[in-house]
Amino acid sequence: MSVSGIESLGFTPYVAPTATATPPAATEGPSGPSFGKLVVDGLEQLEAMNDRTDNLAVQAATGDLGAIHDYTIAASETSVATQLTVAMRNKAVEAFTEIMRMQVG
């Protein structure tokens, strides 16, 4: 499937921010957005995907959805995104736990 085919499904690939002449905002570091902002943006995108999937599920259940494959694709995308988010959260918790076990000095 081509990139344009993926974009037609509603998937928007990550595009790295470009350098600007203006000073960075408080939520940005010297080379781009802060980690916290990226996490919040990712969670907001996941929530939007989940809302879209829920709306398509309702349309499918009421018979208003013309093509059932739209729902199945959205559900699969949301499932993969959720699994990735949970895996990242688990790794972050694991790293935090390991850091807390370290002896200082």
C-alpha atoms as a PDB file:
ATOM      1  CA  MET A   1       0.000   0.000   0.000  1.00  0.00           C
ATOM      2  CA  SER A   2       1.343   3.394  -0.886  1.00  0.00           C
ATOM      3  CA  VAL A   3       1.789   6.247   1.549  1.00  0.00           C
ATOM      4  CA  SER A   4      -1.149   8.068  -0.013  1.00  0.00           C
ATOM      5  CA  GLY A   5      -3.233   4.935   0.578  1.00  0.00           C
ATOM      6  CA  ILE A   6      -2.314   4.963   4.255  1.00  0.00           C
ATOM      7  CA  GLU A   7      -3.145   8.654   4.574  1.00  0.00           C
ATOM      8  CA  SER A   8      -6.568   8.050   3.002  1.00  0.00           C
ATOM      9  CA  LEU A   9      -7.336   5.710   5.907  1.00  0.00           C
ATOM     10  CA  GLY A  10      -7.035   8.590   8.357  1.00  0.00           C
ATOM     11  CA  PHE A  11      -3.566   7.649   9.607  1.00  0.00           C
ATOM     12  CA  THR A  12      -1.295  10.652   9.893  1.00  0.00           C
ATOM     13  CA  PRO A  13       2.379   9.741  10.081  1.00  0.00           C
ATOM     14  CA  TYR A  14       4.634  11.611  12.493  1.00  0.00           C
ATOM     15  CA  VAL A  15       6.398  14.537  10.879  1.00  0.00           C
ATOM     16  CA  ALA A  16       9.381  15.916  12.756  1.00  0.00           C
ATOM     17  CA  PRO A  17       9.085  19.607  13.611  1.00  0.00           C
ATOM     18  CA  THR A  18      11.208  21.989  11.614  1.00  0.00           C
ATOM     19  CA  ALA A  19      13.460  24.668  13.074  1.00  0.00           C
ATOM     20  CA  THR A  20      11.935  28.124  13.421  1.00  0.00           C
ATOM     21  CA  ALA A  21      13.428  31.556  13.841  1.00  0.00           C
ATOM     22  CA  THR A  22      11.295  32.312  16.905  1.00  0.00           C
ATOM     23  CA  PRO A  23      12.458  31.269  20.371  1.00  0.00           C
ATOM     24  CA  PRO A  24      10.959  28.000  21.630  1.00  0.00           C
ATOM     25  CA  ALA A  25       7.894  28.071  23.866  1.00  0.00           C
ATOM     26  CA  ALA A  26       8.030  27.022  27.506  1.00  0.00           C
ATOM     27  CA  THR A  27       7.048  23.462  26.547  1.00  0.00           C
ATOM     28  CA  GLU A  28       9.905  23.116  24.080  1.00  0.00           C
ATOM     29  CA  GLY A  29      13.514  22.270  24.689  1.00  0.00           C
ATOM     30  CA  PRO A  30      16.509  23.451  22.712  1.00  0.00           C
ATOM     31  CA  SER A  31      15.878  20.962  19.894  1.00  0.00           C
ATOM     32  CA  GLY A  32      12.083  20.635  19.810  1.00  0.00           C
ATOM     33  CA  PRO A  33       9.016  19.850  21.894  1.00  0.00           C
ATOM     34  CA  SER A  34       9.510  18.489  25.376  1.00  0.00           C
ATOM     35  CA  PHE A  35       9.030  14.817  26.151  1.00  0.00           C
ATOM     36  CA  GLY A  36       5.959  15.626  28.234  1.00  0.00           C
ATOM     37  CA  LYS A  37       4.315  17.463  25.355  1.00  0.00           C
ATOM     38  CA  LEU A  38       5.001  14.539  23.007  1.00  0.00           C
ATOM     39  CA  VAL A  39       3.431  12.125  25.502  1.00  0.00           C
ATOM     40  CA  VAL A  40       0.341  14.300  25.935  1.00  0.00           C
ATOM     41  CA  ASP A  41      -0.018  14.737  22.167  1.00  0.00           C
ATOM     42  CA  GLY A  42       0.290  10.979  21.664  1.00  0.00           C
ATOM     43  CA  LEU A  43      -2.370  10.266  24.267  1.00  0.00           C
ATOM     44  CA  GLU A  44      -4.686  12.841  22.688  1.00  0.00           C
ATOM     45  CA  GLN A  45      -4.208  11.181  19.288  1.00  0.00           C
ATOM     46  CA  LEU A  46      -4.964   7.780  20.815  1.00  0.00           C
ATOM     47  CA  GLU A  47      -8.119   9.172  22.398  1.00  0.00           C
ATOM     48  CA  ALA A  48      -9.193  10.652  19.048  1.00  0.00           C
ATOM     49  CA  MET A  49      -8.617   7.292  17.347  1.00  0.00           C
ATOM     50  CA  ASN A  50     -10.661   5.568  20.042  1.00  0.00           C
ATOM     51  CA  ASP A  51     -13.508   8.081  19.643  1.00  0.00           C
ATOM     52  CA  ARG A  52     -13.514   7.581  15.865  1.00  0.00           C
ATOM     53  CA  THR A  53     -13.621   3.796  16.302  1.00  0.00           C
ATOM     54  CA  ASP A  54     -16.487   4.106  18.788  1.00  0.00           C
ATOM     55  CA  ASN A  55     -18.447   6.310  16.371  1.00  0.00           C
ATOM     56  CA  LEU A  56     -17.901   3.832  13.535  1.00  0.00           C
ATOM     57  CA  ALA A  57     -19.009   0.971  15.810  1.00  0.00           C
ATOM     58  CA  VAL A  58     -22.251   2.789  16.581  1.00  0.00           C
ATOM     59  CA  GLN A  59     -22.802   3.453  12.875  1.00  0.00           C
ATOM     60  CA  ALA A  60     -22.174  -0.225  12.103  1.00  0.00           C
ATOM     61  CA  ALA A  61     -24.599  -1.337  14.816  1.00  0.00           C
ATOM     62  CA  THR A  62     -27.353   0.998  13.611  1.00  0.00           C
ATOM     63  CA  GLY A  63     -26.842   0.148   9.936  1.00  0.00           C
ATOM     64  CA  ASP A  64     -25.692   3.653   8.991  1.00  0.00           C
ATOM     65  CA  LEU A  65     -22.191   2.538   7.996  1.00  0.00           C
ATOM     66  CA  GLY A  66     -21.878   1.947   4.270  1.00  0.00           C
ATOM     67  CA  ALA A  67     -18.651  -0.073   4.348  1.00  0.00           C
ATOM     68  CA  ILE A  68     -17.995  -2.315   7.344  1.00  0.00           C
ATOM     69  CA  HIS A  69     -14.297  -2.473   6.483  1.00  0.00           C
ATOM     70  CA  ASP A  70     -13.969   1.167   7.614  1.00  0.00           C
ATOM     71  CA  TYR A  71     -14.825   0.045  11.130  1.00  0.00           C
ATOM     72  CA  THR A  72     -12.579  -3.027  11.072  1.00  0.00           C
ATOM     73  CA  ILE A  73      -9.603  -0.972   9.864  1.00  0.00           C
ATOM     74  CA  ALA A  74     -10.195   1.721  12.495  1.00  0.00           C
ATOM     75  CA  ALA A  75     -10.581  -0.914  15.210  1.00  0.00           C
ATOM     76  CA  SER A  76      -7.318  -2.586  14.177  1.00  0.00           C
ATOM     77  CA  GLU A  77      -5.447   0.737  14.109  1.00  0.00           C
ATOM     78  CA  THR A  78      -6.789   1.651  17.536  1.00  0.00           C
ATOM     79  CA  SER A  79      -5.876  -1.761  18.922  1.00  0.00           C
ATOM     80  CA  VAL A  80      -2.285  -1.532  17.673  1.00  0.00           C
ATOM     81  CA  ALA A  81      -1.917   2.040  18.946  1.00  0.00           C
ATOM     82  CA  THR A  82      -3.276   1.026  22.354  1.00  0.00           C
ATOM     83  CA  GLN A  83      -0.903  -1.955  22.556  1.00  0.00           C
ATOM     84  CA  LEU A  84       2.034   0.289  21.674  1.00  0.00           C
ATOM     85  CA  THR A  85       1.010   2.865  24.287  1.00  0.00           C
ATOM     86  CA  VAL A  86       0.692   0.202  26.988  1.00  0.00           C
ATOM     87  CA  ALA A  87       4.074  -1.300  26.057  1.00  0.00           C
ATOM     88  CA  MET A  88       5.712   2.138  26.261  1.00  0.00           C
ATOM     89  CA  ARG A  89       4.078   2.790  29.624  1.00  0.00           C
ATOM     90  CA  ASN A  90       5.294  -0.561  30.933  1.00  0.00           C
ATOM     91  CA  LYS A  91       8.859   0.177  29.790  1.00  0.00           C
ATOM     92  CA  ALA A  92       8.741   3.617  31.423  1.00  0.00           C
ATOM     93  CA  VAL A  93       7.526   2.136  34.717  1.00  0.00           C
ATOM     94  CA  GLU A  94      10.208  -0.557  34.495  1.00  0.00           C
ATOM     95  CA  ALA A  95      12.918   2.073  33.895  1.00  0.00           C
ATOM     96  CA  PHE A  96      11.635   4.221  36.774  1.00  0.00           C
ATOM     97  CA  THR A  97      11.640   1.210  39.103  1.00  0.00           C
ATOM     98  CA  GLU A  98      15.195   0.353  38.070  1.00  0.00           C
ATOM     99  CA  ILE A  99      16.342   3.934  38.690  1.00  0.00           C
ATOM    100  CA  MET A 100      14.740   3.918  42.143  1.00  0.00           C
ATOM    101  CA  ARG A 101      16.676   0.734  43.020  1.00  0.00           C
ATOM    102  CA  MET A 102      20.026   2.333  42.214  1.00  0.00           C
ATOM    103  CA  GLN A 103      22.307   3.095  45.128  1.00  0.00           C
ATOM    104  CA  VAL A 104      23.575   6.641  45.401  1.00  0.00           C
ATOM    105  CA  GLY A 105      27.144   7.277  46.341  1.00  0.00           C
END
